[in-house]
Amino acid sequence: MTAGDIAQRLGLTTGAVTGVIDRLVAAKLVRRVADPTDRRRVVVELLSNPRREREIAGLFEPMGTRISGLVAGYNDRDQAILAEFLTKACEVLEEETHRLRVRP
């Protein structure tokens, strides 16, 4: 994604996102590369870092285990209803966030 794309998705200014990207580059988590279809554009590319990925996975593993246990307590029909609700709720949240951003 470009910095502009990231800024739009996060609802931040490109200046704010540029600062975040600078810090991520310094931490060797991402790099800036020329867009292969338009060399005037710069794309932010995620860098693989197995050690950090394991650390992050370790941080979220307990939550994943607990959520899996919670989901296992529902039958297939109820899981389908919950998945449908969560999907539709996310759509509503995205639409309302967009509405609030473009409001005069």
PDB file of N, CA and C in Angstrom:
ATOM      1  N   MET A   1       0.844  -1.177   0.000  1.00  0.00           N
ATOM      2  CA  MET A   1       0.000   0.000   0.000  1.00  0.00           C
ATOM      3  C   MET A   1       0.890   1.241   0.000  1.00  0.00           C
ATOM      4  N   THR A   2       0.347   2.310  -0.539  1.00  0.00           N
ATOM      5  CA  THR A   2       1.069   3.582  -0.467  1.00  0.00           C
ATOM      6  C   THR A   2       0.766   4.249   0.867  1.00  0.00           C
ATOM      7  N   ALA A   3       1.553   5.254   1.217  1.00  0.00           N
ATOM      8  CA  ALA A   3       1.296   6.006   2.446  1.00  0.00           C
ATOM      9  C   ALA A   3      -0.090   6.647   2.374  1.00  0.00           C
ATOM     10  N   GLY A   4      -0.461   7.136   1.200  1.00  0.00           N
ATOM     11  CA  GLY A   4      -1.789   7.738   1.040  1.00  0.00           C
ATOM     12  C   GLY A   4      -2.896   6.737   1.265  1.00  0.00           C
ATOM     13  N   ASP A   5      -2.733   5.509   0.747  1.00  0.00           N
ATOM     14  CA  ASP A   5      -3.727   4.454   0.964  1.00  0.00           C
ATOM     15  C   ASP A   5      -3.855   4.129   2.449  1.00  0.00           C
ATOM     16  N   ILE A   6      -2.716   4.024   3.115  1.00  0.00           N
ATOM     17  CA  ILE A   6      -2.714   3.710   4.553  1.00  0.00           C
ATOM     18  C   ILE A   6      -3.398   4.830   5.329  1.00  0.00           C
ATOM     19  N   ALA A   7      -3.071   6.072   4.987  1.00  0.00           N
ATOM     20  CA  ALA A   7      -3.674   7.218   5.671  1.00  0.00           C
ATOM     21  C   ALA A   7      -5.189   7.205   5.505  1.00  0.00           C
ATOM     22  N   GLN A   8      -5.644   6.938   4.301  1.00  0.00           N
ATOM     23  CA  GLN A   8      -7.090   6.917   4.047  1.00  0.00           C
ATOM     24  C   GLN A   8      -7.769   5.811   4.838  1.00  0.00           C
ATOM     25  N   ARG A   9      -7.175   4.624   4.857  1.00  0.00           N
ATOM     26  CA  ARG A   9      -7.779   3.495   5.585  1.00  0.00           C
ATOM     27  C   ARG A   9      -7.831   3.755   7.085  1.00  0.00           C
ATOM     28  N   LEU A  10      -6.818   4.454   7.614  1.00  0.00           N
ATOM     29  CA  LEU A  10      -6.757   4.718   9.048  1.00  0.00           C
ATOM     30  C   LEU A  10      -7.447   6.006   9.459  1.00  0.00           C
ATOM     31  N   GLY A  11      -7.795   6.829   8.466  1.00  0.00           N
ATOM     32  CA  GLY A  11      -8.413   8.111   8.783  1.00  0.00           C
ATOM     33  C   GLY A  11      -7.430   9.107   9.357  1.00  0.00           C
ATOM     34  N   LEU A  12      -6.171   9.021   8.932  1.00  0.00           N
ATOM     35  CA  LEU A  12      -5.127   9.913   9.409  1.00  0.00           C
ATOM     36  C   LEU A  12      -4.613  10.755   8.247  1.00  0.00           C
ATOM     37  N   THR A  13      -3.850  11.778   8.568  1.00  0.00           N
ATOM     38  CA  THR A  13      -3.234  12.581   7.517  1.00  0.00           C
ATOM     39  C   THR A  13      -2.031  11.828   6.957  1.00  0.00           C
ATOM     40  N   THR A  14      -1.646  12.170   5.737  1.00  0.00           N
ATOM     41  CA  THR A  14      -0.462  11.531   5.159  1.00  0.00           C
ATOM     42  C   THR A  14       0.792  11.901   5.948  1.00  0.00           C
ATOM     43  N   GLY A  15       0.817  13.107   6.511  1.00  0.00           N
ATOM     44  CA  GLY A  15       1.954  13.509   7.330  1.00  0.00           C
ATOM     45  C   GLY A  15       2.107  12.629   8.554  1.00  0.00           C
ATOM     46  N   ALA A  16       1.001  12.342   9.207  1.00  0.00           N
ATOM     47  CA  ALA A  16       1.046  11.481  10.401  1.00  0.00           C
ATOM     48  C   ALA A  16       1.499  10.076  10.020  1.00  0.00           C
ATOM     49  N   VAL A  17       0.979   9.579   8.906  1.00  0.00           N
ATOM     50  CA  VAL A  17       1.340   8.229   8.465  1.00  0.00           C
ATOM     51  C   VAL A  17       2.807   8.169   8.051  1.00  0.00           C
ATOM     52  N   THR A  18       3.306   9.216   7.432  1.00  0.00           N
ATOM     53  CA  THR A  18       4.714   9.252   7.040  1.00  0.00           C
ATOM     54  C   THR A  18       5.610   9.111   8.267  1.00  0.00           C
ATOM     55  N   GLY A  19       5.249   9.772   9.348  1.00  0.00           N
ATOM     56  CA  GLY A  19       6.019   9.644  10.586  1.00  0.00           C
ATOM     57  C   GLY A  19       5.996   8.221  11.127  1.00  0.00           C
ATOM     58  N   VAL A  20       4.839   7.591  11.073  1.00  0.00           N
ATOM     59  CA  VAL A  20       4.723   6.208  11.540  1.00  0.00           C
ATOM     60  C   VAL A  20       5.563   5.293  10.643  1.00  0.00           C
ATOM     61  N   ILE A  21       5.470   5.493   9.334  1.00  0.00           N
ATOM     62  CA  ILE A  21       6.242   4.669   8.401  1.00  0.00           C
ATOM     63  C   ILE A  21       7.737   4.859   8.638  1.00  0.00           C
ATOM     64  N   ASP A  22       8.168   6.088   8.883  1.00  0.00           N
ATOM     65  CA  ASP A  22       9.584   6.346   9.181  1.00  0.00           C
ATOM     66  C   ASP A  22      10.042   5.503  10.368  1.00  0.00           C
ATOM     67  N   ARG A  23       9.218   5.446  11.412  1.00  0.00           N
ATOM     68  CA  ARG A  23       9.574   4.662  12.599  1.00  0.00           C
ATOM     69  C   ARG A  23       9.575   3.160  12.295  1.00  0.00           C
ATOM     70  N   LEU A  24       8.625   2.717  11.469  1.00  0.00           N
ATOM     71  CA  LEU A  24       8.589   1.301  11.106  1.00  0.00           C
ATOM     72  C   LEU A  24       9.793   0.921  10.247  1.00  0.00           C
ATOM     73  N   VAL A  25      10.218   1.826   9.366  1.00  0.00           N
ATOM     74  CA  VAL A  25      11.418   1.588   8.559  1.00  0.00           C
ATOM     75  C   VAL A  25      12.632   1.497   9.477  1.00  0.00           C
ATOM     76  N   ALA A  26      12.743   2.423  10.420  1.00  0.00           N
ATOM     77  CA  ALA A  26      13.880   2.421  11.348  1.00  0.00           C
ATOM     78  C   ALA A  26      13.925   1.137  12.178  1.00  0.00           C
ATOM     79  N   ALA A  27      12.748   0.595  12.492  1.00  0.00           N
ATOM     80  CA  ALA A  27      12.671  -0.645  13.268  1.00  0.00           C
ATOM     81  C   ALA A  27      12.818  -1.887  12.387  1.00  0.00           C
ATOM     82  N   LYS A  28      13.004  -1.663  11.084  1.00  0.00           N
ATOM     83  CA  LYS A  28      13.172  -2.749  10.107  1.00  0.00           C
ATOM     84  C   LYS A  28      11.947  -3.664  10.038  1.00  0.00           C
ATOM     85  N   LEU A  29      10.770  -3.051  10.168  1.00  0.00           N
ATOM     86  CA  LEU A  29       9.520  -3.802  10.033  1.00  0.00           C
ATOM     87  C   LEU A  29       8.911  -3.656   8.645  1.00  0.00           C
ATOM     88  N   VAL A  30       9.210  -2.532   7.973  1.00  0.00           N
ATOM     89  CA  VAL A  30       8.740  -2.289   6.609  1.00  0.00           C
ATOM     90  C   VAL A  30       9.857  -1.632   5.815  1.00  0.00           C
ATOM     91  N   ARG A  31       9.648  -1.580   4.496  1.00  0.00           N
ATOM     92  CA  ARG A  31      10.560  -0.821   3.650  1.00  0.00           C
ATOM     93  C   ARG A  31       9.744  -0.121   2.577  1.00  0.00           C
ATOM     94  N   ARG A  32      10.313   0.933   2.039  1.00  0.00           N
ATOM     95  CA  ARG A  32       9.687   1.655   0.938  1.00  0.00           C
ATOM     96  C   ARG A  32      10.273   1.130  -0.366  1.00  0.00           C
ATOM     97  N   VAL A  33       9.401   0.790  -1.319  1.00  0.00           N
ATOM     98  CA  VAL A  33       9.861   0.308  -2.627  1.00  0.00           C
ATOM     99  C   VAL A  33       9.080   1.026  -3.716  1.00  0.00           C
ATOM    100  N   ALA A  34       9.702   1.137  -4.888  1.00  0.00           N
ATOM    101  CA  ALA A  34       9.021   1.756  -6.021  1.00  0.00           C
ATOM    102  C   ALA A  34       7.865   0.867  -6.465  1.00  0.00           C
ATOM    103  N   ASP A  35       6.724   1.475  -6.767  1.00  0.00           N
ATOM    104  CA  ASP A  35       5.566   0.755  -7.281  1.00  0.00           C
ATOM    105  C   ASP A  35       5.948   0.179  -8.649  1.00  0.00           C
ATOM    106  N   PRO A  36       5.795  -1.138  -8.844  1.00  0.00           N
ATOM    107  CA  PRO A  36       6.214  -1.731 -10.120  1.00  0.00           C
ATOM    108  C   PRO A  36       5.392  -1.241 -11.321  1.00  0.00           C
ATOM    109  N   THR A  37       4.184  -0.726 -11.066  1.00  0.00           N
ATOM    110  CA  THR A  37       3.339  -0.255 -12.175  1.00  0.00           C
ATOM    111  C   THR A  37       3.464   1.248 -12.399  1.00  0.00           C
ATOM    112  N   ASP A  38       3.986   1.977 -11.416  1.00  0.00           N
ATOM    113  CA  ASP A  38       4.131   3.428 -11.549  1.00  0.00           C
ATOM    114  C   ASP A  38       5.328   3.857 -10.698  1.00  0.00           C
ATOM    115  N   ARG A  39       6.472   4.021 -11.308  1.00  0.00           N
ATOM    116  CA  ARG A  39       7.702   4.281 -10.561  1.00  0.00           C
ATOM    117  C   ARG A  39       7.692   5.610  -9.812  1.00  0.00           C
ATOM    118  N   ARG A  40       6.709   6.461 -10.071  1.00  0.00           N
ATOM    119  CA  ARG A  40       6.609   7.715  -9.316  1.00  0.00           C
ATOM    120  C   ARG A  40       6.035   7.474  -7.925  1.00  0.00           C
ATOM    121  N   ARG A  41       5.346   6.360  -7.756  1.00  0.00           N
ATOM    122  CA  ARG A  41       4.712   6.040  -6.469  1.00  0.00           C
ATOM    123  C   ARG A  41       5.619   5.146  -5.636  1.00  0.00           C
ATOM    124  N   VAL A  42       5.476   5.270  -4.329  1.00  0.00           N
ATOM    125  CA  VAL A  42       6.234   4.435  -3.398  1.00  0.00           C
ATOM    126  C   VAL A  42       5.240   3.585  -2.618  1.00  0.00           C
ATOM    127  N   VAL A  43       5.576   2.316  -2.502  1.00  0.00           N
ATOM    128  CA  VAL A  43       4.726   1.359  -1.795  1.00  0.00           C
ATOM    129  C   VAL A  43       5.439   0.948  -0.507  1.00  0.00           C
ATOM    130  N   VAL A  44       4.677   0.790   0.563  1.00  0.00           N
ATOM    131  CA  VAL A  44       5.217   0.320   1.837  1.00  0.00           C
ATOM    132  C   VAL A  44       5.065  -1.198   1.860  1.00  0.00           C
ATOM    133  N   GLU A  45       6.178  -1.877   2.055  1.00  0.00           N
ATOM    134  CA  GLU A  45       6.197  -3.342   2.007  1.00  0.00           C
ATOM    135  C   GLU A  45       6.583  -3.900   3.374  1.00  0.00           C
ATOM    136  N   LEU A  46       5.811  -4.842   3.852  1.00  0.00           N
ATOM    137  CA  LEU A  46       6.079  -5.496   5.129  1.00  0.00           C
ATOM    138  C   LEU A  46       7.294  -6.396   4.993  1.00  0.00           C
ATOM    139  N   LEU A  47       8.212  -6.327   5.947  1.00  0.00           N
ATOM    140  CA  LEU A  47       9.393  -7.179   5.945  1.00  0.00           C
ATOM    141  C   LEU A  47       9.184  -8.359   6.881  1.00  0.00           C
ATOM    142  N   SER A  48       9.665  -9.493   6.478  1.00  0.00           N
ATOM    143  CA  SER A  48       9.576 -10.680   7.315  1.00  0.00           C
ATOM    144  C   SER A  48      10.612 -10.590   8.427  1.00  0.00           C
ATOM    145  N   ASN A  49      10.168 -10.892   9.639  1.00  0.00           N
ATOM    146  CA  ASN A  49      11.062 -10.917  10.784  1.00  0.00           C
ATOM    147  C   ASN A  49      10.581 -12.055  11.691  1.00  0.00           C
ATOM    148  N   PRO A  50      11.045 -13.276  11.414  1.00  0.00           N
ATOM    149  CA  PRO A  50      10.537 -14.451  12.144  1.00  0.00           C
ATOM    150  C   PRO A  50      10.578 -14.320  13.666  1.00  0.00           C
ATOM    151  N   ARG A  51      11.656 -13.726  14.200  1.00  0.00           N
ATOM    152  CA  ARG A  51      11.754 -13.603  15.663  1.00  0.00           C
ATOM    153  C   ARG A  51      10.629 -12.724  16.197  1.00  0.00           C
ATOM    154  N   ARG A  52      10.425 -11.558  15.568  1.00  0.00           N
ATOM    155  CA  ARG A  52       9.353 -10.659  16.022  1.00  0.00           C
ATOM    156  C   ARG A  52       7.988 -11.280  15.802  1.00  0.00           C
ATOM    157  N   GLU A  53       7.820 -11.993  14.697  1.00  0.00           N
ATOM    158  CA  GLU A  53       6.539 -12.638  14.423  1.00  0.00           C
ATOM    159  C   GLU A  53       6.204 -13.665  15.500  1.00  0.00           C
ATOM    160  N   ARG A  54       7.231 -14.405  15.966  1.00  0.00           N
ATOM    161  CA  ARG A  54       7.011 -15.367  17.059  1.00  0.00           C
ATOM    162  C   ARG A  54       6.647 -14.643  18.356  1.00  0.00           C
ATOM    163  N   GLU A  55       7.324 -13.518  18.622  1.00  0.00           N
ATOM    164  CA  GLU A  55       7.019 -12.738  19.829  1.00  0.00           C
ATOM    165  C   GLU A  55       5.576 -12.240  19.797  1.00  0.00           C
ATOM    166  N   ILE A  56       5.165 -11.706  18.658  1.00  0.00           N
ATOM    167  CA  ILE A  56       3.802 -11.185  18.527  1.00  0.00           C
ATOM    168  C   ILE A  56       2.790 -12.321  18.649  1.00  0.00           C
ATOM    169  N   ALA A  57       3.082 -13.450  17.989  1.00  0.00           N
ATOM    170  CA  ALA A  57       2.182 -14.604  18.089  1.00  0.00           C
ATOM    171  C   ALA A  57       2.045 -15.037  19.545  1.00  0.00           C
ATOM    172  N   GLY A  58       3.156 -15.009  20.275  1.00  0.00           N
ATOM    173  CA  GLY A  58       3.119 -15.379  21.693  1.00  0.00           C
ATOM    174  C   GLY A  58       2.256 -14.447  22.520  1.00  0.00           C
ATOM    175  N   LEU A  59       2.249 -13.172  22.155  1.00  0.00           N
ATOM    176  CA  LEU A  59       1.421 -12.202  22.880  1.00  0.00           C
ATOM    177  C   LEU A  59      -0.069 -12.470  22.669  1.00  0.00           C
ATOM    178  N   PHE A  60      -0.433 -12.864  21.450  1.00  0.00           N
ATOM    179  CA  PHE A  60      -1.848 -13.034  21.118  1.00  0.00           C
ATOM    180  C   PHE A  60      -2.355 -14.466  21.280  1.00  0.00           C
ATOM    181  N   GLU A  61      -1.453 -15.416  21.475  1.00  0.00           N
ATOM    182  CA  GLU A  61      -1.858 -16.811  21.594  1.00  0.00           C
ATOM    183  C   GLU A  61      -2.864 -17.058  22.720  1.00  0.00           C
ATOM    184  N   PRO A  62      -2.665 -16.507  23.921  1.00  0.00           N
ATOM    185  CA  PRO A  62      -3.654 -16.754  24.982  1.00  0.00           C
ATOM    186  C   PRO A  62      -5.056 -16.263  24.604  1.00  0.00           C
ATOM    187  N   MET A  63      -5.142 -15.113  23.954  1.00  0.00           N
ATOM    188  CA  MET A  63      -6.446 -14.610  23.544  1.00  0.00           C
ATOM    189  C   MET A  63      -7.056 -15.532  22.488  1.00  0.00           C
ATOM    190  N   GLY A  64      -6.245 -15.975  21.526  1.00  0.00           N
ATOM    191  CA  GLY A  64      -6.742 -16.876  20.491  1.00  0.00           C
ATOM    192  C   GLY A  64      -7.265 -18.175  21.078  1.00  0.00           C
ATOM    193  N   THR A  65      -6.555 -18.698  22.043  1.00  0.00           N
ATOM    194  CA  THR A  65      -6.974 -19.931  22.707  1.00  0.00           C
ATOM    195  C   THR A  65      -8.301 -19.728  23.434  1.00  0.00           C
ATOM    196  N   ARG A  66      -8.429 -18.607  24.128  1.00  0.00           N
ATOM    197  CA  ARG A  66      -9.672 -18.329  24.855  1.00  0.00           C
ATOM    198  C   ARG A  66     -10.848 -18.128  23.904  1.00  0.00           C
ATOM    199  N   ILE A  67     -10.619 -17.398  22.795  1.00  0.00           N
ATOM    200  CA  ILE A  67     -11.688 -17.177  21.815  1.00  0.00           C
ATOM    201  C   ILE A  67     -12.094 -18.506  21.185  1.00  0.00           C
ATOM    202  N   SER A  68     -11.108 -19.352  20.854  1.00  0.00           N
ATOM    203  CA  SER A  68     -11.425 -20.668  20.280  1.00  0.00           C
ATOM    204  C   SER A  68     -12.271 -21.485  21.244  1.00  0.00           C
ATOM    205  N   GLY A  69     -11.931 -21.428  22.518  1.00  0.00           N
ATOM    206  CA  GLY A  69     -12.722 -22.139  23.521  1.00  0.00           C
ATOM    207  C   GLY A  69     -14.130 -21.584  23.622  1.00  0.00           C
ATOM    208  N   LEU A  70     -14.254 -20.275  23.539  1.00  0.00           N
ATOM    209  CA  LEU A  70     -15.573 -19.638  23.584  1.00  0.00           C
ATOM    210  C   LEU A  70     -16.424 -20.072  22.391  1.00  0.00           C
ATOM    211  N   VAL A  71     -15.843 -20.046  21.198  1.00  0.00           N
ATOM    212  CA  VAL A  71     -16.570 -20.428  19.979  1.00  0.00           C
ATOM    213  C   VAL A  71     -16.974 -21.899  20.046  1.00  0.00           C
ATOM    214  N   ALA A  72     -16.113 -22.738  20.593  1.00  0.00           N
ATOM    215  CA  ALA A  72     -16.403 -24.171  20.670  1.00  0.00           C
ATOM    216  C   ALA A  72     -17.640 -24.465  21.517  1.00  0.00           C
ATOM    217  N   GLY A  73     -18.023 -23.525  22.354  1.00  0.00           N
ATOM    218  CA  GLY A  73     -19.210 -23.705  23.191  1.00  0.00           C
ATOM    219  C   GLY A  73     -20.517 -23.498  22.443  1.00  0.00           C
ATOM    220  N   TYR A  74     -20.456 -23.099  21.187  1.00  0.00           N
ATOM    221  CA  TYR A  74     -21.655 -22.884  20.374  1.00  0.00           C
ATOM    222  C   TYR A  74     -21.747 -23.958  19.299  1.00  0.00           C
ATOM    223  N   ASN A  75     -22.975 -24.351  18.969  1.00  0.00           N
ATOM    224  CA  ASN A  75     -23.139 -25.334  17.896  1.00  0.00           C
ATOM    225  C   ASN A  75     -22.924 -24.654  16.539  1.00  0.00           C
ATOM    226  N   ASP A  76     -22.871 -25.463  15.477  1.00  0.00           N
ATOM    227  CA  ASP A  76     -22.572 -24.946  14.136  1.00  0.00           C
ATOM    228  C   ASP A  76     -23.574 -23.872  13.697  1.00  0.00           C
ATOM    229  N   ARG A  77     -24.838 -24.075  13.986  1.00  0.00           N
ATOM    230  CA  ARG A  77     -25.863 -23.099  13.584  1.00  0.00           C
ATOM    231  C   ARG A  77     -25.626 -21.762  14.289  1.00  0.00           C
ATOM    232  N   ASP A  78     -25.396 -21.818  15.603  1.00  0.00           N
ATOM    233  CA  ASP A  78     -25.155 -20.590  16.361  1.00  0.00           C
ATOM    234  C   ASP A  78     -23.865 -19.890  15.909  1.00  0.00           C
ATOM    235  N   GLN A  79     -22.838 -20.671  15.591  1.00  0.00           N
ATOM    236  CA  GLN A  79     -21.598 -20.082  15.091  1.00  0.00           C
ATOM    237  C   GLN A  79     -21.838 -19.346  13.782  1.00  0.00           C
ATOM    238  N   ALA A  80     -22.667 -19.924  12.919  1.00  0.00           N
ATOM    239  CA  ALA A  80     -22.984 -19.276  11.638  1.00  0.00           C
ATOM    240  C   ALA A  80     -23.727 -17.967  11.871  1.00  0.00           C
ATOM    241  N   ILE A  81     -24.648 -17.962  12.825  1.00  0.00           N
ATOM    242  CA  ILE A  81     -25.401 -16.740  13.141  1.00  0.00           C
ATOM    243  C   ILE A  81     -24.456 -15.675  13.699  1.00  0.00           C
ATOM    244  N   LEU A  82     -23.588 -16.072  14.599  1.00  0.00           N
ATOM    245  CA  LEU A  82     -22.625 -15.124  15.164  1.00  0.00           C
ATOM    246  C   LEU A  82     -21.697 -14.571  14.086  1.00  0.00           C
ATOM    247  N   ALA A  83     -21.216 -15.429  13.201  1.00  0.00           N
ATOM    248  CA  ALA A  83     -20.322 -14.977  12.122  1.00  0.00           C
ATOM    249  C   ALA A  83     -21.047 -13.994  11.211  1.00  0.00           C
ATOM    250  N   GLU A  84     -22.304 -14.296  10.890  1.00  0.00           N
ATOM    251  CA  GLU A  84     -23.079 -13.384  10.042  1.00  0.00           C
ATOM    252  C   GLU A  84     -23.280 -12.042  10.734  1.00  0.00           C
ATOM    253  N   PHE A  85     -23.634 -12.066  12.016  1.00  0.00           N
ATOM    254  CA  PHE A  85     -23.833 -10.830  12.764  1.00  0.00           C
ATOM    255  C   PHE A  85     -22.547  -9.996  12.794  1.00  0.00           C
ATOM    256  N   LEU A  86     -21.426 -10.635  13.127  1.00  0.00           N
ATOM    257  CA  LEU A  86     -20.164  -9.896  13.227  1.00  0.00           C
ATOM    258  C   LEU A  86     -19.742  -9.315  11.881  1.00  0.00           C
ATOM    259  N   THR A  87     -19.960 -10.073  10.817  1.00  0.00           N
ATOM    260  CA  THR A  87     -19.633  -9.574   9.475  1.00  0.00           C
ATOM    261  C   THR A  87     -20.473  -8.348   9.139  1.00  0.00           C
ATOM    262  N   LYS A  88     -21.780  -8.433   9.385  1.00  0.00           N
ATOM    263  CA  LYS A  88     -22.673  -7.310   9.082  1.00  0.00           C
ATOM    264  C   LYS A  88     -22.405  -6.121  10.002  1.00  0.00           C
ATOM    265  N   ALA A  89     -22.082  -6.381  11.256  1.00  0.00           N
ATOM    266  CA  ALA A  89     -21.774  -5.292  12.185  1.00  0.00           C
ATOM    267  C   ALA A  89     -20.517  -4.555  11.736  1.00  0.00           C
ATOM    268  N   CYS A  90     -19.515  -5.287  11.250  1.00  0.00           N
ATOM    269  CA  CYS A  90     -18.293  -4.640  10.740  1.00  0.00           C
ATOM    270  C   CYS A  90     -18.605  -3.778   9.524  1.00  0.00           C
ATOM    271  N   GLU A  91     -19.493  -4.257   8.650  1.00  0.00           N
ATOM    272  CA  GLU A  91     -19.886  -3.471   7.478  1.00  0.00           C
ATOM    273  C   GLU A  91     -20.555  -2.167   7.907  1.00  0.00           C
ATOM    274  N   VAL A  92     -21.455  -2.255   8.887  1.00  0.00           N
ATOM    275  CA  VAL A  92     -22.130  -1.059   9.393  1.00  0.00           C
ATOM    276  C   VAL A  92     -21.109  -0.085   9.979  1.00  0.00           C
ATOM    277  N   LEU A  93     -20.186  -0.593  10.773  1.00  0.00           N
ATOM    278  CA  LEU A  93     -19.157   0.269  11.378  1.00  0.00           C
ATOM    279  C   LEU A  93     -18.307   0.957  10.317  1.00  0.00           C
ATOM    280  N   GLU A  94     -17.922   0.223   9.280  1.00  0.00           N
ATOM    281  CA  GLU A  94     -17.129   0.826   8.208  1.00  0.00           C
ATOM    282  C   GLU A  94     -17.919   1.903   7.470  1.00  0.00           C
ATOM    283  N   GLU A  95     -19.193   1.613   7.163  1.00  0.00           N
ATOM    284  CA  GLU A  95     -20.028   2.583   6.456  1.00  0.00           C
ATOM    285  C   GLU A  95     -20.250   3.836   7.298  1.00  0.00           C
ATOM    286  N   GLU A  96     -20.506   3.663   8.572  1.00  0.00           N
ATOM    287  CA  GLU A  96     -20.749   4.810   9.447  1.00  0.00           C
ATOM    288  C   GLU A  96     -19.470   5.614   9.667  1.00  0.00           C
ATOM    289  N   THR A  97     -18.343   4.934   9.740  1.00  0.00           N
ATOM    290  CA  THR A  97     -17.065   5.646   9.860  1.00  0.00           C
ATOM    291  C   THR A  97     -16.835   6.496   8.621  1.00  0.00           C
ATOM    292  N   HIS A  98     -17.100   5.913   7.457  1.00  0.00           N
ATOM    293  CA  HIS A  98     -16.962   6.682   6.203  1.00  0.00           C
ATOM    294  C   HIS A  98     -17.915   7.866   6.187  1.00  0.00           C
ATOM    295  N   ARG A  99     -19.168   7.655   6.605  1.00  0.00           N
ATOM    296  CA  ARG A  99     -20.161   8.735   6.639  1.00  0.00           C
ATOM    297  C   ARG A  99     -19.690   9.881   7.532  1.00  0.00           C
ATOM    298  N   LEU A 100     -19.147   9.541   8.682  1.00  0.00           N
ATOM    299  CA  LEU A 100     -18.676  10.583   9.613  1.00  0.00           C
ATOM    300  C   LEU A 100     -17.468  11.327   9.064  1.00  0.00           C
ATOM    301  N   ARG A 101     -16.614  10.644   8.304  1.00  0.00           N
ATOM    302  CA  ARG A 101     -15.442  11.308   7.734  1.00  0.00           C
ATOM    303  C   ARG A 101     -15.800  12.298   6.638  1.00  0.00           C
ATOM    304  N   VAL A 102     -16.814  11.995   5.835  1.00  0.00           N
ATOM    305  CA  VAL A 102     -17.131  12.839   4.684  1.00  0.00           C
ATOM    306  C   VAL A 102     -18.189  13.884   5.002  1.00  0.00           C
ATOM    307  N   ARG A 103     -18.681  13.885   6.202  1.00  0.00           N
ATOM    308  CA  ARG A 103     -19.727  14.831   6.584  1.00  0.00           C
ATOM    309  C   ARG A 103     -19.183  16.253   6.582  1.00  0.00           C
ATOM    310  N   PRO A 104     -20.024  17.201   6.136  1.00  0.00           N
ATOM    311  CA  PRO A 104     -19.555  18.605   6.056  1.00  0.00           C
ATOM    312  C   PRO A 104     -19.290  19.238   7.407  1.00  0.00           C
TER     313      PRO A 104
END
